[in-house]
Structure formats: structure tokens, C-alpha cells
Amino acid sequence: GGGLVQAGGSLKLSCAASGHTFSSYAMGWFRQA
């Protein structure tokens, strides 16, 4: 869902999980410039 957008715009990121019971995990988003 990432990409290039102008200031004031919107994006929606998705993160698909596999391999274990998803509901057992708290989830976070981080960023690094």
C-alpha cells in the first residue's frame, strides 16, 4: 500500500500475516526515515 502521494493526501497500508494465530499478537506500525 505504500507509494508516492502529495502533501494532504491519503494512503492505506496493509500488513498480511501468516504462520500463526493472528489474534495472539498485538500489532504495531513503525517507520524509519
PDB file of all heavy atoms in Angstrom:
ATOM      1  N   GLY A   1       0.779  -1.224   0.000  1.00  0.00           N
ATOM      2  CA  GLY A   1       0.000   0.000   0.000  1.00  0.00           C
ATOM      3  C   GLY A   1       0.815   1.280   0.000  1.00  0.00           C
ATOM      4  O   GLY A   1       0.246   2.372  -0.075  1.00  0.00           O
ATOM      5  N   GLY A   2       2.125   1.162   0.100  1.00  0.00           N
ATOM      6  CA  GLY A   2       2.949   2.368   0.071  1.00  0.00           C
ATOM      7  C   GLY A   2       2.980   2.988  -1.312  1.00  0.00           C
ATOM      8  O   GLY A   2       2.488   2.417  -2.287  1.00  0.00           O
ATOM      9  N   GLY A   3       3.566   4.182  -1.397  1.00  0.00           N
ATOM     10  CA  GLY A   3       3.664   4.847  -2.677  1.00  0.00           C
ATOM     11  C   GLY A   3       3.999   6.306  -2.524  1.00  0.00           C
ATOM     12  O   GLY A   3       4.410   6.758  -1.454  1.00  0.00           O
ATOM     13  N   LEU A   4       3.810   7.037  -3.625  1.00  0.00           N
ATOM     14  CA  LEU A   4       4.080   8.466  -3.667  1.00  0.00           C
ATOM     15  C   LEU A   4       2.762   9.224  -3.636  1.00  0.00           C
ATOM     16  O   LEU A   4       1.848   8.914  -4.415  1.00  0.00           O
ATOM     17  CB  LEU A   4       4.849   8.806  -4.940  1.00  0.00           C
ATOM     18  CG  LEU A   4       5.104  10.291  -5.234  1.00  0.00           C
ATOM     19  CD1 LEU A   4       5.987  10.910  -4.160  1.00  0.00           C
ATOM     20  CD2 LEU A   4       5.727  10.453  -6.618  1.00  0.00           C
ATOM     21  N   VAL A   5       2.669  10.200  -2.755  1.00  0.00           N
ATOM     22  CA  VAL A   5       1.438  10.978  -2.622  1.00  0.00           C
ATOM     23  C   VAL A   5       1.803  12.425  -2.328  1.00  0.00           C
ATOM     24  O   VAL A   5       2.855  12.696  -1.741  1.00  0.00           O
ATOM     25  CB  VAL A   5       0.535  10.382  -1.511  1.00  0.00           C
ATOM     26  CG1 VAL A   5       1.205  10.483  -0.144  1.00  0.00           C
ATOM     27  CG2 VAL A   5      -0.834  11.021  -1.503  1.00  0.00           C
ATOM     28  N   GLN A   6       0.945  13.342  -2.737  1.00  0.00           N
ATOM     29  CA  GLN A   6       1.172  14.748  -2.440  1.00  0.00           C
ATOM     30  C   GLN A   6       0.777  15.058  -0.998  1.00  0.00           C
ATOM     31  O   GLN A   6      -0.076  14.368  -0.414  1.00  0.00           O
ATOM     32  CB  GLN A   6       0.375  15.621  -3.396  1.00  0.00           C
ATOM     33  CG  GLN A   6       0.913  15.633  -4.822  1.00  0.00           C
ATOM     34  CD  GLN A   6       0.212  16.655  -5.693  1.00  0.00           C
ATOM     35  OE1 GLN A   6      -0.943  16.988  -5.461  1.00  0.00           O
ATOM     36  NE2 GLN A   6       0.915  17.155  -6.693  1.00  0.00           N
ATOM     37  N   ALA A   7       1.370  16.089  -0.464  1.00  0.00           N
ATOM     38  CA  ALA A   7       1.023  16.540   0.884  1.00  0.00           C
ATOM     39  C   ALA A   7      -0.481  16.808   0.963  1.00  0.00           C
ATOM     40  O   ALA A   7      -1.073  17.374   0.037  1.00  0.00           O
ATOM     41  CB  ALA A   7       1.802  17.794   1.242  1.00  0.00           C
ATOM     42  N   GLY A   8      -1.078  16.360   2.052  1.00  0.00           N
ATOM     43  CA  GLY A   8      -2.518  16.473   2.231  1.00  0.00           C
ATOM     44  C   GLY A   8      -3.293  15.262   1.757  1.00  0.00           C
ATOM     45  O   GLY A   8      -4.491  15.145   2.030  1.00  0.00           O
ATOM     46  N   GLY A   9      -2.625  14.384   1.046  1.00  0.00           N
ATOM     47  CA  GLY A   9      -3.270  13.185   0.529  1.00  0.00           C
ATOM     48  C   GLY A   9      -3.356  12.066   1.545  1.00  0.00           C
ATOM     49  O   GLY A   9      -2.981  12.230   2.719  1.00  0.00           O
ATOM     50  N   SER A  10      -3.830  10.921   1.060  1.00  0.00           N
ATOM     51  CA  SER A  10      -4.049   9.765   1.938  1.00  0.00           C
ATOM     52  C   SER A  10      -3.476   8.501   1.316  1.00  0.00           C
ATOM     53  O   SER A  10      -3.384   8.381   0.090  1.00  0.00           O
ATOM     54  CB  SER A  10      -5.555   9.549   2.174  1.00  0.00           C
ATOM     55  OG  SER A  10      -6.140  10.651   2.812  1.00  0.00           O
ATOM     56  N   LEU A  11      -3.107   7.582   2.178  1.00  0.00           N
ATOM     57  CA  LEU A  11      -2.710   6.239   1.788  1.00  0.00           C
ATOM     58  C   LEU A  11      -3.211   5.277   2.852  1.00  0.00           C
ATOM     59  O   LEU A  11      -3.331   5.650   4.026  1.00  0.00           O
ATOM     60  CB  LEU A  11      -1.185   6.102   1.680  1.00  0.00           C
ATOM     61  CG  LEU A  11      -0.471   6.658   0.455  1.00  0.00           C
ATOM     62  CD1 LEU A  11       1.041   6.527   0.645  1.00  0.00           C
ATOM     63  CD2 LEU A  11      -0.906   5.948  -0.806  1.00  0.00           C
ATOM     64  N   LYS A  12      -3.465   4.032   2.429  1.00  0.00           N
ATOM     65  CA  LYS A  12      -3.824   2.996   3.385  1.00  0.00           C
ATOM     66  C   LYS A  12      -2.848   1.838   3.237  1.00  0.00           C
ATOM     67  O   LYS A  12      -2.767   1.218   2.175  1.00  0.00           O
ATOM     68  CB  LYS A  12      -5.255   2.506   3.167  1.00  0.00           C
ATOM     69  CG  LYS A  12      -5.713   1.527   4.234  1.00  0.00           C
ATOM     70  CD  LYS A  12      -7.183   1.183   4.083  1.00  0.00           C
ATOM     71  CE  LYS A  12      -7.674   0.286   5.209  1.00  0.00           C
ATOM     72  NZ  LYS A  12      -9.131  -0.010   5.102  1.00  0.00           N
ATOM     73  N   LEU A  13      -2.113   1.578   4.294  1.00  0.00           N
ATOM     74  CA  LEU A  13      -1.181   0.460   4.323  1.00  0.00           C
ATOM     75  C   LEU A  13      -1.882  -0.780   4.864  1.00  0.00           C
ATOM     76  O   LEU A  13      -2.738  -0.684   5.750  1.00  0.00           O
ATOM     77  CB  LEU A  13       0.029   0.786   5.199  1.00  0.00           C
ATOM     78  CG  LEU A  13       0.802   2.063   4.865  1.00  0.00           C
ATOM     79  CD1 LEU A  13       2.013   2.183   5.783  1.00  0.00           C
ATOM     80  CD2 LEU A  13       1.206   2.105   3.412  1.00  0.00           C
ATOM     81  N   SER A  14      -1.479  -1.919   4.327  1.00  0.00           N
ATOM     82  CA  SER A  14      -1.976  -3.198   4.822  1.00  0.00           C
ATOM     83  C   SER A  14      -0.788  -4.069   5.209  1.00  0.00           C
ATOM     84  O   SER A  14       0.298  -3.955   4.624  1.00  0.00           O
ATOM     85  CB  SER A  14      -2.794  -3.919   3.751  1.00  0.00           C
ATOM     86  OG  SER A  14      -3.919  -3.163   3.370  1.00  0.00           O
ATOM     87  N   CYS A  15      -1.019  -4.937   6.165  1.00  0.00           N
ATOM     88  CA  CYS A  15       0.008  -5.895   6.578  1.00  0.00           C
ATOM     89  C   CYS A  15      -0.684  -7.238   6.768  1.00  0.00           C
ATOM     90  O   CYS A  15      -1.487  -7.406   7.690  1.00  0.00           O
ATOM     91  CB  CYS A  15       0.675  -5.437   7.862  1.00  0.00           C
ATOM     92  SG  CYS A  15       1.839  -6.638   8.559  1.00  0.00           S
ATOM     93  N   ALA A  16      -0.371  -8.170   5.888  1.00  0.00           N
ATOM     94  CA  ALA A  16      -0.968  -9.503   5.937  1.00  0.00           C
ATOM     95  C   ALA A  16      -0.050 -10.439   6.707  1.00  0.00           C
ATOM     96  O   ALA A  16       1.156 -10.504   6.442  1.00  0.00           O
ATOM     97  CB  ALA A  16      -1.192 -10.022   4.531  1.00  0.00           C
ATOM     98  N   ALA A  17      -0.629 -11.167   7.644  1.00  0.00           N
ATOM     99  CA  ALA A  17       0.140 -12.081   8.489  1.00  0.00           C
ATOM    100  C   ALA A  17      -0.202 -13.526   8.170  1.00  0.00           C
ATOM    101  O   ALA A  17      -1.344 -13.848   7.828  1.00  0.00           O
ATOM    102  CB  ALA A  17      -0.155 -11.797   9.957  1.00  0.00           C
ATOM    103  N   SER A  18       0.784 -14.380   8.305  1.00  0.00           N
ATOM    104  CA  SER A  18       0.559 -15.805   8.112  1.00  0.00           C
ATOM    105  C   SER A  18       1.497 -16.583   9.013  1.00  0.00           C
ATOM    106  O   SER A  18       2.515 -16.062   9.478  1.00  0.00           O
ATOM    107  CB  SER A  18       0.805 -16.214   6.657  1.00  0.00           C
ATOM    108  OG  SER A  18       2.138 -15.955   6.286  1.00  0.00           O
ATOM    109  N   GLY A  19       1.143 -17.821   9.307  1.00  0.00           N
ATOM    110  CA  GLY A  19       2.044 -18.698  10.026  1.00  0.00           C
ATOM    111  C   GLY A  19       1.687 -18.966  11.464  1.00  0.00           C
ATOM    112  O   GLY A  19       2.233 -19.865  12.067  1.00  0.00           O
ATOM    113  N   HIS A  20       0.798 -18.196  12.057  1.00  0.00           N
ATOM    114  CA  HIS A  20       0.440 -18.423  13.445  1.00  0.00           C
ATOM    115  C   HIS A  20      -0.895 -17.745  13.706  1.00  0.00           C
ATOM    116  O   HIS A  20      -1.422 -17.055  12.842  1.00  0.00           O
ATOM    117  CB  HIS A  20       1.524 -17.849  14.381  1.00  0.00           C
ATOM    118  CG  HIS A  20       1.586 -18.528  15.710  1.00  0.00           C
ATOM    119  ND1 HIS A  20       0.827 -18.137  16.792  1.00  0.00           N
ATOM    120  CD2 HIS A  20       2.331 -19.563  16.147  1.00  0.00           C
ATOM    121  CE1 HIS A  20       1.098 -18.905  17.824  1.00  0.00           C
ATOM    122  NE2 HIS A  20       2.002 -19.780  17.463  1.00  0.00           N
ATOM    123  N   THR A  21      -1.443 -17.957  14.869  1.00  0.00           N
ATOM    124  CA  THR A  21      -2.736 -17.377  15.207  1.00  0.00           C
ATOM    125  C   THR A  21      -2.606 -15.864  15.333  1.00  0.00           C
ATOM    126  O   THR A  21      -2.012 -15.350  16.283  1.00  0.00           O
ATOM    127  CB  THR A  21      -3.266 -17.958  16.519  1.00  0.00           C
ATOM    128  OG1 THR A  21      -3.303 -19.380  16.412  1.00  0.00           O
ATOM    129  CG2 THR A  21      -4.656 -17.436  16.804  1.00  0.00           C
ATOM    130  N   PHE A  22      -3.176 -15.158  14.373  1.00  0.00           N
ATOM    131  CA  PHE A  22      -3.021 -13.710  14.302  1.00  0.00           C
ATOM    132  C   PHE A  22      -3.550 -13.032  15.558  1.00  0.00           C
ATOM    133  O   PHE A  22      -2.967 -12.056  16.035  1.00  0.00           O
ATOM    134  CB  PHE A  22      -3.758 -13.207  13.061  1.00  0.00           C
ATOM    135  CG  PHE A  22      -3.661 -11.739  12.828  1.00  0.00           C
ATOM    136  CD1 PHE A  22      -2.451 -11.145  12.527  1.00  0.00           C
ATOM    137  CD2 PHE A  22      -4.794 -10.929  12.898  1.00  0.00           C
ATOM    138  CE1 PHE A  22      -2.348  -9.780  12.301  1.00  0.00           C
ATOM    139  CE2 PHE A  22      -4.716  -9.573  12.678  1.00  0.00           C
ATOM    140  CZ  PHE A  22      -3.489  -8.994  12.369  1.00  0.00           C
ATOM    141  N   SER A  23      -4.626 -13.548  16.106  1.00  0.00           N
ATOM    142  CA  SER A  23      -5.247 -12.898  17.263  1.00  0.00           C
ATOM    143  C   SER A  23      -4.422 -13.036  18.537  1.00  0.00           C
ATOM    144  O   SER A  23      -4.773 -12.448  19.556  1.00  0.00           O
ATOM    145  CB  SER A  23      -6.648 -13.457  17.497  1.00  0.00           C
ATOM    146  OG  SER A  23      -6.590 -14.854  17.714  1.00  0.00           O
ATOM    147  N   SER A  24      -3.327 -13.788  18.496  1.00  0.00           N
ATOM    148  CA  SER A  24      -2.428 -13.912  19.647  1.00  0.00           C
ATOM    149  C   SER A  24      -1.429 -12.766  19.722  1.00  0.00           C
ATOM    150  O   SER A  24      -0.655 -12.677  20.684  1.00  0.00           O
ATOM    151  CB  SER A  24      -1.646 -15.231  19.580  1.00  0.00           C
ATOM    152  OG  SER A  24      -2.503 -16.345  19.632  1.00  0.00           O
ATOM    153  N   TYR A  25      -1.453 -11.888  18.731  1.00  0.00           N
ATOM    154  CA  TYR A  25      -0.432 -10.855  18.622  1.00  0.00           C
ATOM    155  C   TYR A  25      -1.034  -9.466  18.687  1.00  0.00           C
ATOM    156  O   TYR A  25      -2.014  -9.164  17.977  1.00  0.00           O
ATOM    157  CB  TYR A  25       0.320 -10.990  17.297  1.00  0.00           C
ATOM    158  CG  TYR A  25       1.157 -12.240  17.217  1.00  0.00           C
ATOM    159  CD1 TYR A  25       0.591 -13.443  16.824  1.00  0.00           C
ATOM    160  CD2 TYR A  25       2.500 -12.215  17.549  1.00  0.00           C
ATOM    161  CE1 TYR A  25       1.351 -14.600  16.769  1.00  0.00           C
ATOM    162  CE2 TYR A  25       3.268 -13.358  17.487  1.00  0.00           C
ATOM    163  CZ  TYR A  25       2.684 -14.549  17.097  1.00  0.00           C
ATOM    164  OH  TYR A  25       3.447 -15.679  17.037  1.00  0.00           O
ATOM    165  N   ALA A  26      -0.417  -8.621  19.508  1.00  0.00           N
ATOM    166  CA  ALA A  26      -0.626  -7.194  19.351  1.00  0.00           C
ATOM    167  C   ALA A  26       0.174  -6.771  18.126  1.00  0.00           C
ATOM    168  O   ALA A  26       1.224  -7.356  17.828  1.00  0.00           O
ATOM    169  CB  ALA A  26      -0.156  -6.440  20.587  1.00  0.00           C
ATOM    170  N   MET A  27      -0.316  -5.778  17.416  1.00  0.00           N
ATOM    171  CA  MET A  27       0.331  -5.362  16.163  1.00  0.00           C
ATOM    172  C   MET A  27       0.727  -3.891  16.228  1.00  0.00           C
ATOM    173  O   MET A  27       0.010  -3.064  16.811  1.00  0.00           O
ATOM    174  CB  MET A  27      -0.607  -5.587  14.982  1.00  0.00           C
ATOM    175  CG  MET A  27      -1.030  -7.032  14.785  1.00  0.00           C
ATOM    176  SD  MET A  27       0.365  -8.125  14.419  1.00  0.00           S
ATOM    177  CE  MET A  27       0.903  -7.471  12.826  1.00  0.00           C
ATOM    178  N   GLY A  28       1.843  -3.590  15.600  1.00  0.00           N
ATOM    179  CA  GLY A  28       2.305  -2.209  15.591  1.00  0.00           C
ATOM    180  C   GLY A  28       2.792  -1.791  14.224  1.00  0.00           C
ATOM    181  O   GLY A  28       3.136  -2.630  13.378  1.00  0.00           O
ATOM    182  N   TRP A  29       2.776  -0.484  14.013  1.00  0.00           N
ATOM    183  CA  TRP A  29       3.395   0.123  12.833  1.00  0.00           C
ATOM    184  C   TRP A  29       4.525   1.040  13.312  1.00  0.00           C
ATOM    185  O   TRP A  29       4.351   1.811  14.268  1.00  0.00           O
ATOM    186  CB  TRP A  29       2.379   0.942  12.036  1.00  0.00           C
ATOM    187  CG  TRP A  29       1.417   0.130  11.233  1.00  0.00           C
ATOM    188  CD1 TRP A  29       0.149  -0.229  11.596  1.00  0.00           C
ATOM    189  CD2 TRP A  29       1.624  -0.417   9.932  1.00  0.00           C
ATOM    190  NE1 TRP A  29      -0.429  -0.964  10.596  1.00  0.00           N
ATOM    191  CE2 TRP A  29       0.448  -1.100   9.564  1.00  0.00           C
ATOM    192  CE3 TRP A  29       2.694  -0.399   9.035  1.00  0.00           C
ATOM    193  CZ2 TRP A  29       0.304  -1.751   8.338  1.00  0.00           C
ATOM    194  CZ3 TRP A  29       2.551  -1.057   7.821  1.00  0.00           C
ATOM    195  CH2 TRP A  29       1.374  -1.717   7.475  1.00  0.00           C
ATOM    196  N   PHE A  30       5.647   0.928  12.627  1.00  0.00           N
ATOM    197  CA  PHE A  30       6.800   1.772  12.886  1.00  0.00           C
ATOM    198  C   PHE A  30       7.249   2.371  11.565  1.00  0.00           C
ATOM    199  O   PHE A  30       6.830   1.917  10.487  1.00  0.00           O
ATOM    200  CB  PHE A  30       7.944   0.945  13.496  1.00  0.00           C
ATOM    201  CG  PHE A  30       7.659   0.431  14.874  1.00  0.00           C
ATOM    202  CD1 PHE A  30       6.842  -0.678  15.075  1.00  0.00           C
ATOM    203  CD2 PHE A  30       8.189   1.056  15.985  1.00  0.00           C
ATOM    204  CE1 PHE A  30       6.558  -1.149  16.348  1.00  0.00           C
ATOM    205  CE2 PHE A  30       7.921   0.586  17.268  1.00  0.00           C
ATOM    206  CZ  PHE A  30       7.112  -0.512  17.441  1.00  0.00           C
ATOM    207  N   ARG A  31       8.104   3.377  11.636  1.00  0.00           N
ATOM    208  CA  ARG A  31       8.651   3.949  10.409  1.00  0.00           C
ATOM    209  C   ARG A  31      10.096   4.363  10.640  1.00  0.00           C
ATOM    210  O   ARG A  31      10.509   4.620  11.766  1.00  0.00           O
ATOM    211  CB  ARG A  31       7.819   5.132   9.937  1.00  0.00           C
ATOM    212  CG  ARG A  31       7.842   6.345  10.856  1.00  0.00           C
ATOM    213  CD  ARG A  31       6.825   7.385  10.372  1.00  0.00           C
ATOM    214  NE  ARG A  31       6.831   8.585  11.207  1.00  0.00           N
ATOM    215  CZ  ARG A  31       5.958   9.580  11.074  1.00  0.00           C
ATOM    216  NH1 ARG A  31       5.001   9.517  10.139  1.00  0.00           N
ATOM    217  NH2 ARG A  31       6.041  10.637  11.862  1.00  0.00           N
ATOM    218  N   GLN A  32      10.822   4.406   9.532  1.00  0.00           N
ATOM    219  CA  GLN A  32      12.223   4.804   9.595  1.00  0.00           C
ATOM    220  C   GLN A  32      12.556   5.653   8.377  1.00  0.00           C
ATOM    221  O   GLN A  32      12.442   5.184   7.242  1.00  0.00           O
ATOM    222  CB  GLN A  32      13.131   3.584   9.657  1.00  0.00           C
ATOM    223  CG  GLN A  32      14.581   3.927   9.924  1.00  0.00           C
ATOM    224  CD  GLN A  32      15.397   2.715  10.322  1.00  0.00           C
ATOM    225  OE1 GLN A  32      14.991   1.566  10.131  1.00  0.00           O
ATOM    226  NE2 GLN A  32      16.555   2.954  10.920  1.00  0.00           N
ATOM    227  N   ALA A  33      12.945   6.885   8.651  1.00  0.00           N
ATOM    228  CA  ALA A  33      13.374   7.804   7.601  1.00  0.00           C
ATOM    229  C   ALA A  33      14.887   7.694   7.441  1.00  0.00           C
ATOM    230  O   ALA A  33      15.583   7.277   8.374  1.00  0.00           O
ATOM    231  CB  ALA A  33      12.965   9.220   7.959  1.00  0.00           C
TER     232      ALA A  33
END
